[in-house]
Amino acid sequence: RENIALLIVPASLIRNWKSEIDRFAPSLRCWIAHPSGHGLSRPPLA
């Protein structure tokens, strides 16, 4: 089943979280809802 978590962080920590995910939990797929990431439009989260 779909089981999505929302992570809210200061803008300065977005890249830190992404790098930690890539390094320690690469099986987790993340969407960055921010202009510096994938943008702010509604994404297909499946």
All heavy atoms as atom14 arrays in JSON, in Angstrom:
{
  "sequence": "RENIALLIVPASLIRNWKSEIDRFAPSLRCWIAHPSGHGLSRPPLA",
  "atom14_mask": [
    [1, 1, 1, 1, 1, 1, 1, 1, 1, 1, 1, 0, 0, 0],
    [1, 1, 1, 1, 1, 1, 1, 1, 1, 0, 0, 0, 0, 0],
    [1, 1, 1, 1, 1, 1, 1, 1, 0, 0, 0, 0, 0, 0],
    [1, 1, 1, 1, 1, 1, 1, 1, 0, 0, 0, 0, 0, 0],
    [1, 1, 1, 1, 1, 0, 0, 0, 0, 0, 0, 0, 0, 0],
    [1, 1, 1, 1, 1, 1, 1, 1, 0, 0, 0, 0, 0, 0],
    [1, 1, 1, 1, 1, 1, 1, 1, 0, 0, 0, 0, 0, 0],
    [1, 1, 1, 1, 1, 1, 1, 1, 0, 0, 0, 0, 0, 0],
    [1, 1, 1, 1, 1, 1, 1, 0, 0, 0, 0, 0, 0, 0],
    [1, 1, 1, 1, 1, 1, 1, 0, 0, 0, 0, 0, 0, 0],
    [1, 1, 1, 1, 1, 0, 0, 0, 0, 0, 0, 0, 0, 0],
    [1, 1, 1, 1, 1, 1, 0, 0, 0, 0, 0, 0, 0, 0],
    [1, 1, 1, 1, 1, 1, 1, 1, 0, 0, 0, 0, 0, 0],
    [1, 1, 1, 1, 1, 1, 1, 1, 0, 0, 0, 0, 0, 0],
    [1, 1, 1, 1, 1, 1, 1, 1, 1, 1, 1, 0, 0, 0],
    [1, 1, 1, 1, 1, 1, 1, 1, 0, 0, 0, 0, 0, 0],
    [1, 1, 1, 1, 1, 1, 1, 1, 1, 1, 1, 1, 1, 1],
    [1, 1, 1, 1, 1, 1, 1, 1, 1, 0, 0, 0, 0, 0],
    [1, 1, 1, 1, 1, 1, 0, 0, 0, 0, 0, 0, 0, 0],
    [1, 1, 1, 1, 1, 1, 1, 1, 1, 0, 0, 0, 0, 0],
    [1, 1, 1, 1, 1, 1, 1, 1, 0, 0, 0, 0, 0, 0],
    [1, 1, 1, 1, 1, 1, 1, 1, 0, 0, 0, 0, 0, 0],
    [1, 1, 1, 1, 1, 1, 1, 1, 1, 1, 1, 0, 0, 0],
    [1, 1, 1, 1, 1, 1, 1, 1, 1, 1, 1, 0, 0, 0],
    [1, 1, 1, 1, 1, 0, 0, 0, 0, 0, 0, 0, 0, 0],
    [1, 1, 1, 1, 1, 1, 1, 0, 0, 0, 0, 0, 0, 0],
    [1, 1, 1, 1, 1, 1, 0, 0, 0, 0, 0, 0, 0, 0],
    [1, 1, 1, 1, 1, 1, 1, 1, 0, 0, 0, 0, 0, 0],
    [1, 1, 1, 1, 1, 1, 1, 1, 1, 1, 1, 0, 0, 0],
    [1, 1, 1, 1, 1, 1, 0, 0, 0, 0, 0, 0, 0, 0],
    [1, 1, 1, 1, 1, 1, 1, 1, 1, 1, 1, 1, 1, 1],
    [1, 1, 1, 1, 1, 1, 1, 1, 0, 0, 0, 0, 0, 0],
    [1, 1, 1, 1, 1, 0, 0, 0, 0, 0, 0, 0, 0, 0],
    [1, 1, 1, 1, 1, 1, 1, 1, 1, 1, 0, 0, 0, 0],
    [1, 1, 1, 1, 1, 1, 1, 0, 0, 0, 0, 0, 0, 0],
    [1, 1, 1, 1, 1, 1, 0, 0, 0, 0, 0, 0, 0, 0],
    [1, 1, 1, 1, 0, 0, 0, 0, 0, 0, 0, 0, 0, 0],
    [1, 1, 1, 1, 1, 1, 1, 1, 1, 1, 0, 0, 0, 0],
    [1, 1, 1, 1, 0, 0, 0, 0, 0, 0, 0, 0, 0, 0],
    [1, 1, 1, 1, 1, 1, 1, 1, 0, 0, 0, 0, 0, 0],
    [1, 1, 1, 1, 1, 1, 0, 0, 0, 0, 0, 0, 0, 0],
    [1, 1, 1, 1, 1, 1, 1, 1, 1, 1, 1, 0, 0, 0],
    [1, 1, 1, 1, 1, 1, 1, 0, 0, 0, 0, 0, 0, 0],
    [1, 1, 1, 1, 1, 1, 1, 0, 0, 0, 0, 0, 0, 0],
    [1, 1, 1, 1, 1, 1, 1, 1, 0, 0, 0, 0, 0, 0],
    [1, 1, 1, 1, 1, 0, 0, 0, 0, 0, 0, 0, 0, 0]
  ],
  "atom14_positions": [
    [[0.83, -1.21, 0.0], [0.0, 0.0, 0.0], [0.87, 1.25, 0.0], [2.03, 1.23, 0.38], [-0.94, 0.02, 1.21], [-0.23, 0.16, 2.55], [-1.24, 0.12, 3.69], [-0.6, 0.27, 4.99], [-0.36, 1.43, 5.58], [-0.69, 2.56, 4.97], [0.22, 1.49, 6.77], [0.0, 0.0, 0.0], [0.0, 0.0, 0.0], [0.0, 0.0, 0.0]],
    [[0.26, 2.35, -0.44], [0.96, 3.63, -0.45], [1.14, 4.13, 0.97], [0.2, 4.14, 1.76], [0.13, 4.65, -1.27], [0.88, 5.92, -1.58], [0.09, 6.84, -2.48], [-0.9, 7.42, -1.99], [0.44, 6.96, -3.66], [0.0, 0.0, 0.0], [0.0, 0.0, 0.0], [0.0, 0.0, 0.0], [0.0, 0.0, 0.0], [0.0, 0.0, 0.0]],
    [[2.35, 4.5, 1.3], [2.67, 4.84, 2.69], [3.71, 5.95, 2.68], [4.88, 5.71, 2.95], [3.2, 3.58, 3.39], [3.24, 3.72, 4.89], [2.7, 4.66, 5.45], [3.9, 2.79, 5.55], [0.0, 0.0, 0.0], [0.0, 0.0, 0.0], [0.0, 0.0, 0.0], [0.0, 0.0, 0.0], [0.0, 0.0, 0.0], [0.0, 0.0, 0.0]],
    [[3.27, 7.16, 2.36], [4.22, 8.26, 2.11], [4.35, 9.15, 3.33], [3.36, 9.54, 3.96], [3.76, 9.09, 0.9], [3.58, 8.19, -0.32], [4.76, 10.19, 0.6], [3.04, 8.89, -1.52], [0.0, 0.0, 0.0], [0.0, 0.0, 0.0], [0.0, 0.0, 0.0], [0.0, 0.0, 0.0], [0.0, 0.0, 0.0], [0.0, 0.0, 0.0]],
    [[5.58, 9.48, 3.66], [5.88, 10.39, 4.76], [6.23, 11.76, 4.22], [6.83, 11.89, 3.15], [7.04, 9.84, 5.59], [0.0, 0.0, 0.0], [0.0, 0.0, 0.0], [0.0, 0.0, 0.0], [0.0, 0.0, 0.0], [0.0, 0.0, 0.0], [0.0, 0.0, 0.0], [0.0, 0.0, 0.0], [0.0, 0.0, 0.0], [0.0, 0.0, 0.0]],
    [[5.85, 12.8, 4.96], [6.2, 14.17, 4.62], [7.27, 14.63, 5.59], [7.08, 14.59, 6.81], [4.98, 15.08, 4.72], [5.24, 16.58, 4.46], [5.69, 16.82, 3.03], [3.99, 17.41, 4.78], [0.0, 0.0, 0.0], [0.0, 0.0, 0.0], [0.0, 0.0, 0.0], [0.0, 0.0, 0.0], [0.0, 0.0, 0.0], [0.0, 0.0, 0.0]],
    [[8.39, 15.08, 5.07], [9.5, 15.57, 5.87], [9.62, 17.07, 5.67], [9.85, 17.53, 4.55], [10.79, 14.86, 5.46], [12.09, 15.3, 6.11], [12.04, 15.12, 7.61], [13.27, 14.54, 5.52], [0.0, 0.0, 0.0], [0.0, 0.0, 0.0], [0.0, 0.0, 0.0], [0.0, 0.0, 0.0], [0.0, 0.0, 0.0], [0.0, 0.0, 0.0]],
    [[9.47, 17.84, 6.75], [9.55, 19.3, 6.68], [10.86, 19.75, 7.32], [11.13, 19.44, 8.48], [8.36, 19.95, 7.42], [7.03, 19.35, 6.95], [8.35, 21.46, 7.19], [5.84, 19.81, 7.76], [0.0, 0.0, 0.0], [0.0, 0.0, 0.0], [0.0, 0.0, 0.0], [0.0, 0.0, 0.0], [0.0, 0.0, 0.0], [0.0, 0.0, 0.0]],
    [[11.67, 20.48, 6.55], [13.01, 20.87, 7.03], [13.29, 22.32, 6.64], [12.64, 22.87, 5.74], [14.09, 19.96, 6.4], [13.82, 18.5, 6.69], [14.2, 20.19, 4.89], [0.0, 0.0, 0.0], [0.0, 0.0, 0.0], [0.0, 0.0, 0.0], [0.0, 0.0, 0.0], [0.0, 0.0, 0.0], [0.0, 0.0, 0.0], [0.0, 0.0, 0.0]],
    [[14.25, 22.97, 7.29], [14.73, 24.27, 6.79], [15.34, 24.07, 5.4], [15.9, 23.01, 5.1], [15.79, 24.67, 7.82], [15.46, 23.9, 9.05], [14.9, 22.6, 8.56], [0.0, 0.0, 0.0], [0.0, 0.0, 0.0], [0.0, 0.0, 0.0], [0.0, 0.0, 0.0], [0.0, 0.0, 0.0], [0.0, 0.0, 0.0], [0.0, 0.0, 0.0]],
    [[15.25, 25.07, 4.56], [15.75, 24.95, 3.19], [17.22, 24.56, 3.14], [17.65, 23.82, 2.25], [15.53, 26.27, 2.44], [0.0, 0.0, 0.0], [0.0, 0.0, 0.0], [0.0, 0.0, 0.0], [0.0, 0.0, 0.0], [0.0, 0.0, 0.0], [0.0, 0.0, 0.0], [0.0, 0.0, 0.0], [0.0, 0.0, 0.0], [0.0, 0.0, 0.0]],
    [[17.99, 25.01, 4.12], [19.43, 24.72, 4.13], [19.74, 23.24, 4.37], [20.87, 22.8, 4.15], [20.13, 25.57, 5.2], [19.58, 25.28, 6.49], [0.0, 0.0, 0.0], [0.0, 0.0, 0.0], [0.0, 0.0, 0.0], [0.0, 0.0, 0.0], [0.0, 0.0, 0.0], [0.0, 0.0, 0.0], [0.0, 0.0, 0.0], [0.0, 0.0, 0.0]],
    [[18.75, 22.47, 4.82], [19.01, 21.06, 5.14], [18.47, 20.09, 4.1], [18.59, 18.87, 4.26], [18.39, 20.72, 6.51], [19.01, 21.4, 7.73], [18.37, 20.9, 9.01], [20.52, 21.18, 7.78], [0.0, 0.0, 0.0], [0.0, 0.0, 0.0], [0.0, 0.0, 0.0], [0.0, 0.0, 0.0], [0.0, 0.0, 0.0], [0.0, 0.0, 0.0]],
    [[17.87, 20.59, 3.03], [17.32, 19.69, 2.02], [18.4, 18.78, 1.44], [18.23, 17.55, 1.37], [16.65, 20.51, 0.88], [15.37, 21.17, 1.37], [16.34, 19.59, -0.31], [14.68, 22.02, 0.32], [0.0, 0.0, 0.0], [0.0, 0.0, 0.0], [0.0, 0.0, 0.0], [0.0, 0.0, 0.0], [0.0, 0.0, 0.0], [0.0, 0.0, 0.0]],
    [[19.5, 19.37, 1.02], [20.57, 18.58, 0.4], [21.2, 17.61, 1.4], [21.61, 16.51, 1.04], [21.63, 19.51, -0.19], [21.14, 20.26, -1.41], [20.71, 19.3, -2.49], [19.95, 19.93, -3.56], [19.26, 19.29, -4.48], [19.23, 17.96, -4.46], [18.61, 19.94, -5.42], [0.0, 0.0, 0.0], [0.0, 0.0, 0.0], [0.0, 0.0, 0.0]],
    [[21.28, 18.04, 2.66], [21.84, 17.15, 3.68], [20.97, 15.9, 3.84], [21.5, 14.77, 3.88], [21.94, 17.9, 5.01], [22.51, 17.02, 6.1], [23.67, 16.66, 6.06], [21.69, 16.67, 7.08], [0.0, 0.0, 0.0], [0.0, 0.0, 0.0], [0.0, 0.0, 0.0], [0.0, 0.0, 0.0], [0.0, 0.0, 0.0], [0.0, 0.0, 0.0]],
    [[19.66, 16.09, 3.9], [18.76, 14.94, 4.02], [18.85, 14.04, 2.79], [18.88, 12.81, 2.9], [17.32, 15.41, 4.24], [16.97, 15.6, 5.67], [17.04, 16.76, 6.4], [16.5, 14.6, 6.58], [16.64, 16.55, 7.69], [16.29, 15.23, 7.84], [16.22, 13.24, 6.46], [15.84, 14.55, 8.96], [15.76, 12.55, 7.58], [15.57, 13.2, 8.81]],
    [[18.9, 14.66, 1.61], [18.97, 13.87, 0.38], [20.26, 13.04, 0.34], [20.24, 11.85, -0.04], [18.91, 14.8, -0.83], [18.91, 14.07, -2.18], [17.68, 13.19, -2.34], [17.54, 12.64, -3.76], [18.62, 11.71, -4.12], [0.0, 0.0, 0.0], [0.0, 0.0, 0.0], [0.0, 0.0, 0.0], [0.0, 0.0, 0.0], [0.0, 0.0, 0.0]],
    [[21.36, 13.64, 0.73], [22.63, 12.9, 0.71], [22.64, 11.78, 1.74], [23.19, 10.7, 1.49], [23.81, 13.85, 0.94], [23.74, 14.42, 2.23], [0.0, 0.0, 0.0], [0.0, 0.0, 0.0], [0.0, 0.0, 0.0], [0.0, 0.0, 0.0], [0.0, 0.0, 0.0], [0.0, 0.0, 0.0], [0.0, 0.0, 0.0], [0.0, 0.0, 0.0]],
    [[22.01, 12.02, 2.9], [21.93, 10.97, 3.93], [21.06, 9.81, 3.45], [21.38, 8.64, 3.7], [21.34, 11.55, 5.23], [22.2, 12.61, 5.89], [23.41, 12.02, 6.6], [23.25, 11.54, 7.73], [24.51, 12.07, 6.01], [0.0, 0.0, 0.0], [0.0, 0.0, 0.0], [0.0, 0.0, 0.0], [0.0, 0.0, 0.0], [0.0, 0.0, 0.0]],
    [[19.99, 10.12, 2.75], [19.13, 9.07, 2.2], [19.9, 8.26, 1.16], [19.88, 7.02, 1.17], [17.85, 9.69, 1.58], [16.96, 10.26, 2.69], [17.08, 8.64, 0.78], [15.8, 11.08, 2.17], [0.0, 0.0, 0.0], [0.0, 0.0, 0.0], [0.0, 0.0, 0.0], [0.0, 0.0, 0.0], [0.0, 0.0, 0.0], [0.0, 0.0, 0.0]],
    [[20.56, 8.94, 0.25], [21.32, 8.25, -0.8], [22.42, 7.37, -0.21], [22.72, 6.3, -0.74], [21.94, 9.27, -1.76], [20.9, 10.01, -2.57], [19.75, 9.52, -2.65], [21.21, 11.08, -3.11], [0.0, 0.0, 0.0], [0.0, 0.0, 0.0], [0.0, 0.0, 0.0], [0.0, 0.0, 0.0], [0.0, 0.0, 0.0], [0.0, 0.0, 0.0]],
    [[23.02, 7.82, 0.88], [24.14, 7.1, 1.48], [23.69, 5.93, 2.35], [24.23, 4.82, 2.25], [24.98, 8.07, 2.31], [26.19, 7.43, 2.97], [26.95, 8.46, 3.8], [28.08, 7.88, 4.49], [28.83, 8.51, 5.38], [28.55, 9.78, 5.67], [29.84, 7.91, 5.97], [0.0, 0.0, 0.0], [0.0, 0.0, 0.0], [0.0, 0.0, 0.0]],
    [[22.69, 6.17, 3.22], [22.33, 5.16, 4.22], [21.05, 4.4, 3.93], [20.88, 3.29, 4.44], [22.2, 5.83, 5.6], [23.46, 6.47, 6.08], [23.53, 7.83, 6.31], [24.6, 5.71, 6.32], [24.69, 8.43, 6.77], [25.77, 6.29, 6.77], [25.82, 7.65, 6.99], [0.0, 0.0, 0.0], [0.0, 0.0, 0.0], [0.0, 0.0, 0.0]],
    [[20.15, 4.97, 3.14], [18.88, 4.3, 2.85], [18.51, 4.47, 1.38], [17.48, 5.05, 1.04], [17.77, 4.86, 3.75], [0.0, 0.0, 0.0], [0.0, 0.0, 0.0], [0.0, 0.0, 0.0], [0.0, 0.0, 0.0], [0.0, 0.0, 0.0], [0.0, 0.0, 0.0], [0.0, 0.0, 0.0], [0.0, 0.0, 0.0], [0.0, 0.0, 0.0]],
    [[19.35, 3.97, 0.48], [19.12, 4.2, -0.96], [17.84, 3.57, -1.5], [17.39, 3.94, -2.58], [20.36, 3.56, -1.6], [20.87, 2.58, -0.6], [20.57, 3.18, 0.74], [0.0, 0.0, 0.0], [0.0, 0.0, 0.0], [0.0, 0.0, 0.0], [0.0, 0.0, 0.0], [0.0, 0.0, 0.0], [0.0, 0.0, 0.0], [0.0, 0.0, 0.0]],
    [[17.24, 2.64, -0.76], [15.99, 2.03, -1.23], [14.8, 2.97, -1.06], [13.73, 2.72, -1.62], [15.73, 0.72, -0.48], [15.56, 0.94, 0.9], [0.0, 0.0, 0.0], [0.0, 0.0, 0.0], [0.0, 0.0, 0.0], [0.0, 0.0, 0.0], [0.0, 0.0, 0.0], [0.0, 0.0, 0.0], [0.0, 0.0, 0.0], [0.0, 0.0, 0.0]],
    [[14.96, 4.04, -0.28], [13.88, 5.01, -0.1], [13.86, 5.99, -1.28], [14.88, 6.58, -1.61], [14.06, 5.79, 1.21], [13.95, 5.0, 2.52], [14.28, 5.9, 3.7], [12.57, 4.39, 2.68], [0.0, 0.0, 0.0], [0.0, 0.0, 0.0], [0.0, 0.0, 0.0], [0.0, 0.0, 0.0], [0.0, 0.0, 0.0], [0.0, 0.0, 0.0]],
    [[12.69, 6.14, -1.89], [12.55, 7.09, -3.0], [11.93, 8.38, -2.47], [10.9, 8.35, -1.8], [11.67, 6.5, -4.11], [12.27, 5.3, -4.81], [11.44, 4.95, -6.03], [11.44, 6.05, -6.99], [10.5, 6.21, -7.93], [9.48, 5.36, -8.01], [10.57, 7.22, -8.78], [0.0, 0.0, 0.0], [0.0, 0.0, 0.0], [0.0, 0.0, 0.0]],
    [[12.57, 9.52, -2.78], [12.07, 10.78, -2.25], [11.81, 11.8, -3.35], [12.48, 11.81, -4.38], [13.01, 11.35, -1.2], [14.61, 11.9, -1.83], [0.0, 0.0, 0.0], [0.0, 0.0, 0.0], [0.0, 0.0, 0.0], [0.0, 0.0, 0.0], [0.0, 0.0, 0.0], [0.0, 0.0, 0.0], [0.0, 0.0, 0.0], [0.0, 0.0, 0.0]],
    [[10.8, 12.62, -3.13], [10.44, 13.73, -4.01], [10.69, 15.02, -3.24], [10.21, 15.17, -2.12], [8.97, 13.63, -4.42], [8.52, 14.74, -5.34], [8.16, 16.01, -4.99], [8.41, 14.68, -6.76], [7.83, 16.75, -6.09], [7.97, 15.95, -7.21], [8.65, 13.68, -7.7], [7.75, 16.25, -8.53], [8.42, 13.98, -9.03], [7.99, 15.24, -9.45]],
    [[11.43, 15.95, -3.84], [11.75, 17.21, -3.16], [10.81, 18.3, -3.67], [10.95, 18.78, -4.8], [13.22, 17.61, -3.4], [14.14, 16.52, -2.86], [13.52, 18.95, -2.72], [15.62, 16.77, -3.12], [0.0, 0.0, 0.0], [0.0, 0.0, 0.0], [0.0, 0.0, 0.0], [0.0, 0.0, 0.0], [0.0, 0.0, 0.0], [0.0, 0.0, 0.0]],
    [[9.83, 18.67, -2.85], [8.85, 19.69, -3.21], [9.4, 21.07, -2.84], [9.05, 21.67, -1.82], [7.53, 19.43, -2.49], [0.0, 0.0, 0.0], [0.0, 0.0, 0.0], [0.0, 0.0, 0.0], [0.0, 0.0, 0.0], [0.0, 0.0, 0.0], [0.0, 0.0, 0.0], [0.0, 0.0, 0.0], [0.0, 0.0, 0.0], [0.0, 0.0, 0.0]],
    [[10.29, 21.55, -3.69], [10.96, 22.83, -3.45], [11.55, 23.3, -4.77], [11.92, 22.47, -5.62], [12.07, 22.66, -2.4], [12.67, 23.95, -1.94], [13.83, 24.46, -2.48], [12.26, 24.83, -1.0], [14.11, 25.61, -1.87], [13.19, 25.86, -0.98], [0.0, 0.0, 0.0], [0.0, 0.0, 0.0], [0.0, 0.0, 0.0], [0.0, 0.0, 0.0]],
    [[11.63, 24.61, -5.01], [12.21, 25.09, -6.28], [13.61, 24.55, -6.55], [14.01, 24.41, -7.71], [12.23, 26.61, -6.08], [11.1, 26.89, -5.15], [11.08, 25.72, -4.2], [0.0, 0.0, 0.0], [0.0, 0.0, 0.0], [0.0, 0.0, 0.0], [0.0, 0.0, 0.0], [0.0, 0.0, 0.0], [0.0, 0.0, 0.0], [0.0, 0.0, 0.0]],
    [[14.38, 24.25, -5.5], [15.72, 23.73, -5.71], [15.73, 22.24, -6.02], [16.77, 21.68, -6.35], [16.57, 23.96, -4.44], [16.07, 23.19, -3.35], [0.0, 0.0, 0.0], [0.0, 0.0, 0.0], [0.0, 0.0, 0.0], [0.0, 0.0, 0.0], [0.0, 0.0, 0.0], [0.0, 0.0, 0.0], [0.0, 0.0, 0.0], [0.0, 0.0, 0.0]],
    [[14.55, 21.59, -5.94], [14.46, 20.17, -6.22], [13.6, 19.88, -7.43], [13.9, 20.29, -8.55], [0.0, 0.0, 0.0], [0.0, 0.0, 0.0], [0.0, 0.0, 0.0], [0.0, 0.0, 0.0], [0.0, 0.0, 0.0], [0.0, 0.0, 0.0], [0.0, 0.0, 0.0], [0.0, 0.0, 0.0], [0.0, 0.0, 0.0], [0.0, 0.0, 0.0]],
    [[12.46, 19.18, -7.19], [11.57, 18.82, -8.3], [10.52, 19.89, -8.61], [9.68, 19.7, -9.49], [10.87, 17.49, -7.99], [11.79, 16.33, -7.86], [12.18, 15.81, -6.65], [12.42, 15.59, -8.8], [13.0, 14.8, -6.84], [13.17, 14.64, -8.14], [0.0, 0.0, 0.0], [0.0, 0.0, 0.0], [0.0, 0.0, 0.0], [0.0, 0.0, 0.0]],
    [[10.53, 20.99, -7.87], [9.54, 22.03, -8.1], [8.36, 21.9, -7.15], [8.29, 20.99, -6.31], [0.0, 0.0, 0.0], [0.0, 0.0, 0.0], [0.0, 0.0, 0.0], [0.0, 0.0, 0.0], [0.0, 0.0, 0.0], [0.0, 0.0, 0.0], [0.0, 0.0, 0.0], [0.0, 0.0, 0.0], [0.0, 0.0, 0.0], [0.0, 0.0, 0.0]],
    [[7.38, 22.82, -7.29], [6.26, 22.88, -6.35], [4.96, 22.34, -6.92], [3.95, 22.28, -6.21], [6.05, 24.33, -5.89], [7.22, 24.97, -5.14], [6.91, 26.42, -4.81], [7.54, 24.19, -3.87], [0.0, 0.0, 0.0], [0.0, 0.0, 0.0], [0.0, 0.0, 0.0], [0.0, 0.0, 0.0], [0.0, 0.0, 0.0], [0.0, 0.0, 0.0]],
    [[4.94, 21.95, -8.19], [3.7, 21.44, -8.77], [3.35, 20.08, -8.19], [4.2, 19.35, -7.7], [3.83, 21.35, -10.29], [4.92, 20.51, -10.63], [0.0, 0.0, 0.0], [0.0, 0.0, 0.0], [0.0, 0.0, 0.0], [0.0, 0.0, 0.0], [0.0, 0.0, 0.0], [0.0, 0.0, 0.0], [0.0, 0.0, 0.0], [0.0, 0.0, 0.0]],
    [[2.07, 19.72, -8.28], [1.61, 18.46, -7.72], [2.26, 17.28, -8.46], [2.11, 17.13, -9.66], [0.09, 18.36, -7.84], [-0.52, 17.14, -7.13], [-1.99, 17.0, -7.51], [-2.73, 18.19, -7.12], [-3.34, 18.35, -5.95], [-3.28, 17.36, -5.06], [-4.0, 19.46, -5.68], [0.0, 0.0, 0.0], [0.0, 0.0, 0.0], [0.0, 0.0, 0.0]],
    [[2.96, 16.4, -7.73], [3.67, 15.31, -8.39], [2.85, 14.02, -8.42], [1.92, 13.84, -7.63], [4.9, 15.13, -7.5], [4.37, 15.43, -6.13], [3.31, 16.48, -6.3], [0.0, 0.0, 0.0], [0.0, 0.0, 0.0], [0.0, 0.0, 0.0], [0.0, 0.0, 0.0], [0.0, 0.0, 0.0], [0.0, 0.0, 0.0], [0.0, 0.0, 0.0]],
    [[3.21, 13.09, -9.31], [2.64, 11.73, -9.24], [3.43, 10.94, -8.19], [4.55, 10.51, -8.44], [2.88, 11.18, -10.65], [4.09, 11.93, -11.13], [4.08, 13.28, -10.48], [0.0, 0.0, 0.0], [0.0, 0.0, 0.0], [0.0, 0.0, 0.0], [0.0, 0.0, 0.0], [0.0, 0.0, 0.0], [0.0, 0.0, 0.0], [0.0, 0.0, 0.0]],
    [[2.87, 10.76, -7.0], [3.63, 10.22, -5.88], [3.64, 8.71, -5.79], [4.23, 8.15, -4.86], [3.1, 10.81, -4.56], [3.37, 12.3, -4.35], [2.76, 12.77, -3.04], [4.85, 12.58, -4.38], [0.0, 0.0, 0.0], [0.0, 0.0, 0.0], [0.0, 0.0, 0.0], [0.0, 0.0, 0.0], [0.0, 0.0, 0.0], [0.0, 0.0, 0.0]],
    [[2.98, 8.04, -6.72], [2.98, 6.58, -6.68], [4.42, 6.05, -6.75], [5.2, 6.44, -7.61], [2.16, 6.02, -7.84], [0.0, 0.0, 0.0], [0.0, 0.0, 0.0], [0.0, 0.0, 0.0], [0.0, 0.0, 0.0], [0.0, 0.0, 0.0], [0.0, 0.0, 0.0], [0.0, 0.0, 0.0], [0.0, 0.0, 0.0], [0.0, 0.0, 0.0]]
  ]
}
